[in-house]
Amino acid sequence: DNDPKHTCKKVREWLEEQDFGTMVCSAQSPDLNPIEHTWGYLKRRLAEHKHPPNGMEQL
């Protein structure tokens, strides 16, 4: 997402040291970003409830 806290030199170095793989996604292609599918799924599931959950236990 090109947020400076995710792309600064220290973060890039740390990710490289930890041997994390990264995936480059265009900001204009949210369909390629897996988290966007998760948010959509959660939104649909929450919409199924007639009454919103009152806390973490009900989620």
PDB file of N, CA and C in Angstrom:
ATOM      1  N   ASP A   1       0.808  -1.194   0.000  1.00  0.00           N
ATOM      2  CA  ASP A   1       0.000   0.000   0.000  1.00  0.00           C
ATOM      3  C   ASP A   1       0.853   1.261   0.000  1.00  0.00           C
ATOM      4  N   ASN A   2       2.140   1.100  -0.034  1.00  0.00           N
ATOM      5  CA  ASN A   2       3.093   2.214  -0.086  1.00  0.00           C
ATOM      6  C   ASN A   2       3.003   3.170   1.091  1.00  0.00           C
ATOM      7  N   ASP A   3       2.405   2.742   2.189  1.00  0.00           N
ATOM      8  CA  ASP A   3       2.410   3.548   3.402  1.00  0.00           C
ATOM      9  C   ASP A   3       3.862   3.657   3.858  1.00  0.00           C
ATOM     10  N   PRO A   4       4.343   4.867   4.160  1.00  0.00           N
ATOM     11  CA  PRO A   4       5.758   5.032   4.525  1.00  0.00           C
ATOM     12  C   PRO A   4       6.212   4.124   5.666  1.00  0.00           C
ATOM     13  N   LYS A   5       5.336   3.812   6.629  1.00  0.00           N
ATOM     14  CA  LYS A   5       5.777   2.933   7.714  1.00  0.00           C
ATOM     15  C   LYS A   5       5.975   1.502   7.252  1.00  0.00           C
ATOM     16  N   HIS A   6       5.411   1.147   6.106  1.00  0.00           N
ATOM     17  CA  HIS A   6       5.592  -0.201   5.573  1.00  0.00           C
ATOM     18  C   HIS A   6       6.738  -0.277   4.566  1.00  0.00           C
ATOM     19  N   THR A   7       7.151   0.851   4.048  1.00  0.00           N
ATOM     20  CA  THR A   7       8.142   0.837   2.974  1.00  0.00           C
ATOM     21  C   THR A   7       9.452   1.529   3.328  1.00  0.00           C
ATOM     22  N   CYS A   8       9.585   2.015   4.568  1.00  0.00           N
ATOM     23  CA  CYS A   8      10.823   2.707   4.924  1.00  0.00           C
ATOM     24  C   CYS A   8      11.997   1.724   4.923  1.00  0.00           C
ATOM     25  N   LYS A   9      13.190   2.250   4.851  1.00  0.00           N
ATOM     26  CA  LYS A   9      14.400   1.434   4.732  1.00  0.00           C
ATOM     27  C   LYS A   9      14.535   0.453   5.895  1.00  0.00           C
ATOM     28  N   LYS A  10      14.275   0.902   7.122  1.00  0.00           N
ATOM     29  CA  LYS A  10      14.417   0.010   8.283  1.00  0.00           C
ATOM     30  C   LYS A  10      13.463  -1.180   8.196  1.00  0.00           C
ATOM     31  N   VAL A  11      12.252  -0.941   7.777  1.00  0.00           N
ATOM     32  CA  VAL A  11      11.285  -2.033   7.656  1.00  0.00           C
ATOM     33  C   VAL A  11      11.711  -2.993   6.552  1.00  0.00           C
ATOM     34  N   ARG A  12      12.114  -2.462   5.407  1.00  0.00           N
ATOM     35  CA  ARG A  12      12.569  -3.331   4.309  1.00  0.00           C
ATOM     36  C   ARG A  12      13.757  -4.175   4.747  1.00  0.00           C
ATOM     37  N   GLU A  13      14.710  -3.569   5.479  1.00  0.00           N
ATOM     38  CA  GLU A  13      15.876  -4.320   5.957  1.00  0.00           C
ATOM     39  C   GLU A  13      15.453  -5.412   6.926  1.00  0.00           C
ATOM     40  N   TRP A  14      14.538  -5.084   7.841  1.00  0.00           N
ATOM     41  CA  TRP A  14      14.083  -6.073   8.816  1.00  0.00           C
ATOM     42  C   TRP A  14      13.387  -7.238   8.117  1.00  0.00           C
ATOM     43  N   LEU A  15      12.522  -6.932   7.160  1.00  0.00           N
ATOM     44  CA  LEU A  15      11.842  -7.996   6.427  1.00  0.00           C
ATOM     45  C   LEU A  15      12.842  -8.891   5.706  1.00  0.00           C
ATOM     46  N   GLU A  16      13.865  -8.282   5.136  1.00  0.00           N
ATOM     47  CA  GLU A  16      14.889  -9.059   4.439  1.00  0.00           C
ATOM     48  C   GLU A  16      15.650  -9.948   5.418  1.00  0.00           C
ATOM     49  N   GLU A  17      15.990  -9.412   6.594  1.00  0.00           N
ATOM     50  CA  GLU A  17      16.701 -10.204   7.612  1.00  0.00           C
ATOM     51  C   GLU A  17      15.857 -11.382   8.089  1.00  0.00           C
ATOM     52  N   GLN A  18      14.544 -11.195   8.168  1.00  0.00           N
ATOM     53  CA  GLN A  18      13.647 -12.248   8.654  1.00  0.00           C
ATOM     54  C   GLN A  18      13.291 -13.246   7.560  1.00  0.00           C
ATOM     55  N   ASP A  19      13.748 -12.987   6.358  1.00  0.00           N
ATOM     56  CA  ASP A  19      13.474 -13.844   5.206  1.00  0.00           C
ATOM     57  C   ASP A  19      11.974 -13.923   4.898  1.00  0.00           C
ATOM     58  N   PHE A  20      11.290 -12.795   5.060  1.00  0.00           N
ATOM     59  CA  PHE A  20       9.879 -12.700   4.691  1.00  0.00           C
ATOM     60  C   PHE A  20       9.786 -12.430   3.202  1.00  0.00           C
ATOM     61  N   GLY A  21       8.868 -13.093   2.569  1.00  0.00           N
ATOM     62  CA  GLY A  21       8.580 -12.766   1.180  1.00  0.00           C
ATOM     63  C   GLY A  21       7.564 -11.633   1.151  1.00  0.00           C
ATOM     64  N   THR A  22       7.651 -10.801   0.171  1.00  0.00           N
ATOM     65  CA  THR A  22       6.666  -9.733   0.031  1.00  0.00           C
ATOM     66  C   THR A  22       5.993  -9.851  -1.323  1.00  0.00           C
ATOM     67  N   MET A  23       4.806  -9.319  -1.399  1.00  0.00           N
ATOM     68  CA  MET A  23       4.036  -9.364  -2.622  1.00  0.00           C
ATOM     69  C   MET A  23       3.738  -7.926  -3.033  1.00  0.00           C
ATOM     70  N   VAL A  24       4.098  -7.565  -4.219  1.00  0.00           N
ATOM     71  CA  VAL A  24       3.853  -6.213  -4.704  1.00  0.00           C
ATOM     72  C   VAL A  24       2.470  -6.180  -5.343  1.00  0.00           C
ATOM     73  N   CYS A  25       1.619  -5.309  -4.830  1.00  0.00           N
ATOM     74  CA  CYS A  25       0.262  -5.158  -5.363  1.00  0.00           C
ATOM     75  C   CYS A  25       0.053  -3.712  -5.774  1.00  0.00           C
ATOM     76  N   SER A  26      -0.516  -3.530  -6.906  1.00  0.00           N
ATOM     77  CA  SER A  26      -0.861  -2.190  -7.352  1.00  0.00           C
ATOM     78  C   SER A  26      -2.006  -1.657  -6.502  1.00  0.00           C
ATOM     79  N   ALA A  27      -1.923  -0.401  -6.125  1.00  0.00           N
ATOM     80  CA  ALA A  27      -3.005   0.211  -5.352  1.00  0.00           C
ATOM     81  C   ALA A  27      -4.295   0.249  -6.161  1.00  0.00           C
ATOM     82  N   GLN A  28      -4.182   0.173  -7.464  1.00  0.00           N
ATOM     83  CA  GLN A  28      -5.356   0.215  -8.329  1.00  0.00           C
ATOM     84  C   GLN A  28      -5.938  -1.177  -8.590  1.00  0.00           C
ATOM     85  N   SER A  29      -5.396  -2.206  -7.941  1.00  0.00           N
ATOM     86  CA  SER A  29      -5.883  -3.575  -8.149  1.00  0.00           C
ATOM     87  C   SER A  29      -6.197  -4.245  -6.815  1.00  0.00           C
ATOM     88  N   PRO A  30      -7.207  -3.770  -6.086  1.00  0.00           N
ATOM     89  CA  PRO A  30      -7.513  -4.366  -4.789  1.00  0.00           C
ATOM     90  C   PRO A  30      -7.912  -5.833  -4.889  1.00  0.00           C
ATOM     91  N   ASP A  31      -8.366  -6.283  -6.064  1.00  0.00           N
ATOM     92  CA  ASP A  31      -8.731  -7.690  -6.222  1.00  0.00           C
ATOM     93  C   ASP A  31      -7.522  -8.612  -6.100  1.00  0.00           C
ATOM     94  N   LEU A  32      -6.311  -8.079  -6.258  1.00  0.00           N
ATOM     95  CA  LEU A  32      -5.099  -8.886  -6.120  1.00  0.00           C
ATOM     96  C   LEU A  32      -4.595  -8.928  -4.687  1.00  0.00           C
ATOM     97  N   ASN A  33      -5.189  -8.137  -3.810  1.00  0.00           N
ATOM     98  CA  ASN A  33      -4.757  -8.072  -2.423  1.00  0.00           C
ATOM     99  C   ASN A  33      -5.644  -9.004  -1.592  1.00  0.00           C
ATOM    100  N   PRO A  34      -5.088 -10.106  -1.060  1.00  0.00           N
ATOM    101  CA  PRO A  34      -5.901 -11.100  -0.348  1.00  0.00           C
ATOM    102  C   PRO A  34      -6.708 -10.528   0.814  1.00  0.00           C
ATOM    103  N   ILE A  35      -6.193  -9.525   1.513  1.00  0.00           N
ATOM    104  CA  ILE A  35      -6.918  -9.000   2.667  1.00  0.00           C
ATOM    105  C   ILE A  35      -8.236  -8.361   2.252  1.00  0.00           C
ATOM    106  N   GLU A  36      -8.310  -7.827   1.038  1.00  0.00           N
ATOM    107  CA  GLU A  36      -9.554  -7.204   0.585  1.00  0.00           C
ATOM    108  C   GLU A  36     -10.677  -8.235   0.489  1.00  0.00           C
ATOM    109  N   HIS A  37     -10.345  -9.468   0.100  1.00  0.00           N
ATOM    110  CA  HIS A  37     -11.347 -10.529   0.046  1.00  0.00           C
ATOM    111  C   HIS A  37     -11.814 -10.884   1.455  1.00  0.00           C
ATOM    112  N   THR A  38     -10.900 -10.861   2.406  1.00  0.00           N
ATOM    113  CA  THR A  38     -11.241 -11.157   3.797  1.00  0.00           C
ATOM    114  C   THR A  38     -12.190 -10.108   4.348  1.00  0.00           C
ATOM    115  N   TRP A  39     -11.902  -8.830   4.100  1.00  0.00           N
ATOM    116  CA  TRP A  39     -12.788  -7.762   4.588  1.00  0.00           C
ATOM    117  C   TRP A  39     -14.177  -7.916   3.977  1.00  0.00           C
ATOM    118  N   GLY A  40     -14.251  -8.243   2.705  1.00  0.00           N
ATOM    119  CA  GLY A  40     -15.546  -8.439   2.055  1.00  0.00           C
ATOM    120  C   GLY A  40     -16.320  -9.591   2.677  1.00  0.00           C
ATOM    121  N   TYR A  41     -15.630 -10.689   2.964  1.00  0.00           N
ATOM    122  CA  TYR A  41     -16.253 -11.850   3.597  1.00  0.00           C
ATOM    123  C   TYR A  41     -16.802 -11.473   4.968  1.00  0.00           C
ATOM    124  N   LEU A  42     -15.982 -10.800   5.780  1.00  0.00           N
ATOM    125  CA  LEU A  42     -16.428 -10.402   7.117  1.00  0.00           C
ATOM    126  C   LEU A  42     -17.615  -9.448   7.048  1.00  0.00           C
ATOM    127  N   LYS A  43     -17.585  -8.527   6.114  1.00  0.00           N
ATOM    128  CA  LYS A  43     -18.688  -7.577   5.961  1.00  0.00           C
ATOM    129  C   LYS A  43     -19.993  -8.310   5.633  1.00  0.00           C
ATOM    130  N   ARG A  44     -19.915  -9.287   4.728  1.00  0.00           N
ATOM    131  CA  ARG A  44     -21.114 -10.057   4.374  1.00  0.00           C
ATOM    132  C   ARG A  44     -21.625 -10.866   5.562  1.00  0.00           C
ATOM    133  N   ARG A  45     -20.711 -11.489   6.298  1.00  0.00           N
ATOM    134  CA  ARG A  45     -21.112 -12.292   7.460  1.00  0.00           C
ATOM    135  C   ARG A  45     -21.768 -11.433   8.531  1.00  0.00           C
ATOM    136  N   LEU A  46     -21.199 -10.259   8.791  1.00  0.00           N
ATOM    137  CA  LEU A  46     -21.785  -9.371   9.792  1.00  0.00           C
ATOM    138  C   LEU A  46     -23.146  -8.855   9.348  1.00  0.00           C
ATOM    139  N   ALA A  47     -23.333  -8.649   8.049  1.00  0.00           N
ATOM    140  CA  ALA A  47     -24.613  -8.166   7.535  1.00  0.00           C
ATOM    141  C   ALA A  47     -25.718  -9.210   7.709  1.00  0.00           C
ATOM    142  N   GLU A  48     -25.350 -10.483   7.841  1.00  0.00           N
ATOM    143  CA  GLU A  48     -26.331 -11.554   8.026  1.00  0.00           C
ATOM    144  C   GLU A  48     -26.998 -11.493   9.394  1.00  0.00           C
ATOM    145  N   HIS A  49     -26.352 -10.865  10.361  1.00  0.00           N
ATOM    146  CA  HIS A  49     -26.886 -10.792  11.724  1.00  0.00           C
ATOM    147  C   HIS A  49     -27.935  -9.689  11.812  1.00  0.00           C
ATOM    148  N   LYS A  50     -29.069 -10.029  12.434  1.00  0.00           N
ATOM    149  CA  LYS A  50     -30.104  -9.015  12.605  1.00  0.00           C
ATOM    150  C   LYS A  50     -29.699  -8.005  13.672  1.00  0.00           C
ATOM    151  N   HIS A  51     -28.996  -8.484  14.672  1.00  0.00           N
ATOM    152  CA  HIS A  51     -28.534  -7.603  15.740  1.00  0.00           C
ATOM    153  C   HIS A  51     -27.014  -7.644  15.742  1.00  0.00           C
ATOM    154  N   PRO A  52     -26.377  -6.503  15.773  1.00  0.00           N
ATOM    155  CA  PRO A  52     -24.913  -6.507  15.778  1.00  0.00           C
ATOM    156  C   PRO A  52     -24.378  -7.205  17.027  1.00  0.00           C
ATOM    157  N   PRO A  53     -23.237  -7.851  16.936  1.00  0.00           N
ATOM    158  CA  PRO A  53     -22.656  -8.513  18.107  1.00  0.00           C
ATOM    159  C   PRO A  53     -22.335  -7.490  19.198  1.00  0.00           C
ATOM    160  N   ASN A  54     -22.473  -7.930  20.447  1.00  0.00           N
ATOM    161  CA  ASN A  54     -22.206  -7.051  21.586  1.00  0.00           C
ATOM    162  C   ASN A  54     -20.769  -7.102  22.061  1.00  0.00           C
ATOM    163  N   GLY A  55     -19.992  -8.006  21.564  1.00  0.00           N
ATOM    164  CA  GLY A  55     -18.604  -8.108  22.001  1.00  0.00           C
ATOM    165  C   GLY A  55     -17.883  -9.216  21.261  1.00  0.00           C
ATOM    166  N   MET A  56     -16.647  -9.442  21.665  1.00  0.00           N
ATOM    167  CA  MET A  56     -15.802 -10.438  21.003  1.00  0.00           C
ATOM    168  C   MET A  56     -16.386 -11.844  21.100  1.00  0.00           C
ATOM    169  N   GLU A  57     -17.020 -12.183  22.221  1.00  0.00           N
ATOM    170  CA  GLU A  57     -17.560 -13.539  22.381  1.00  0.00           C
ATOM    171  C   GLU A  57     -18.639 -13.831  21.343  1.00  0.00           C
ATOM    172  N   GLN A  58     -19.456 -12.842  21.017  1.00  0.00           N
ATOM    173  CA  GLN A  58     -20.516 -13.051  20.037  1.00  0.00           C
ATOM    174  C   GLN A  58     -19.985 -13.067  18.609  1.00  0.00           C
ATOM    175  N   LEU A  59     -18.831 -12.451  18.381  1.00  0.00           N
ATOM    176  CA  LEU A  59     -18.252 -12.502  17.045  1.00  0.00           C
ATOM    177  C   LEU A  59     -17.806 -13.911  16.760  1.00  0.00           C
TER     178      LEU A  59
END
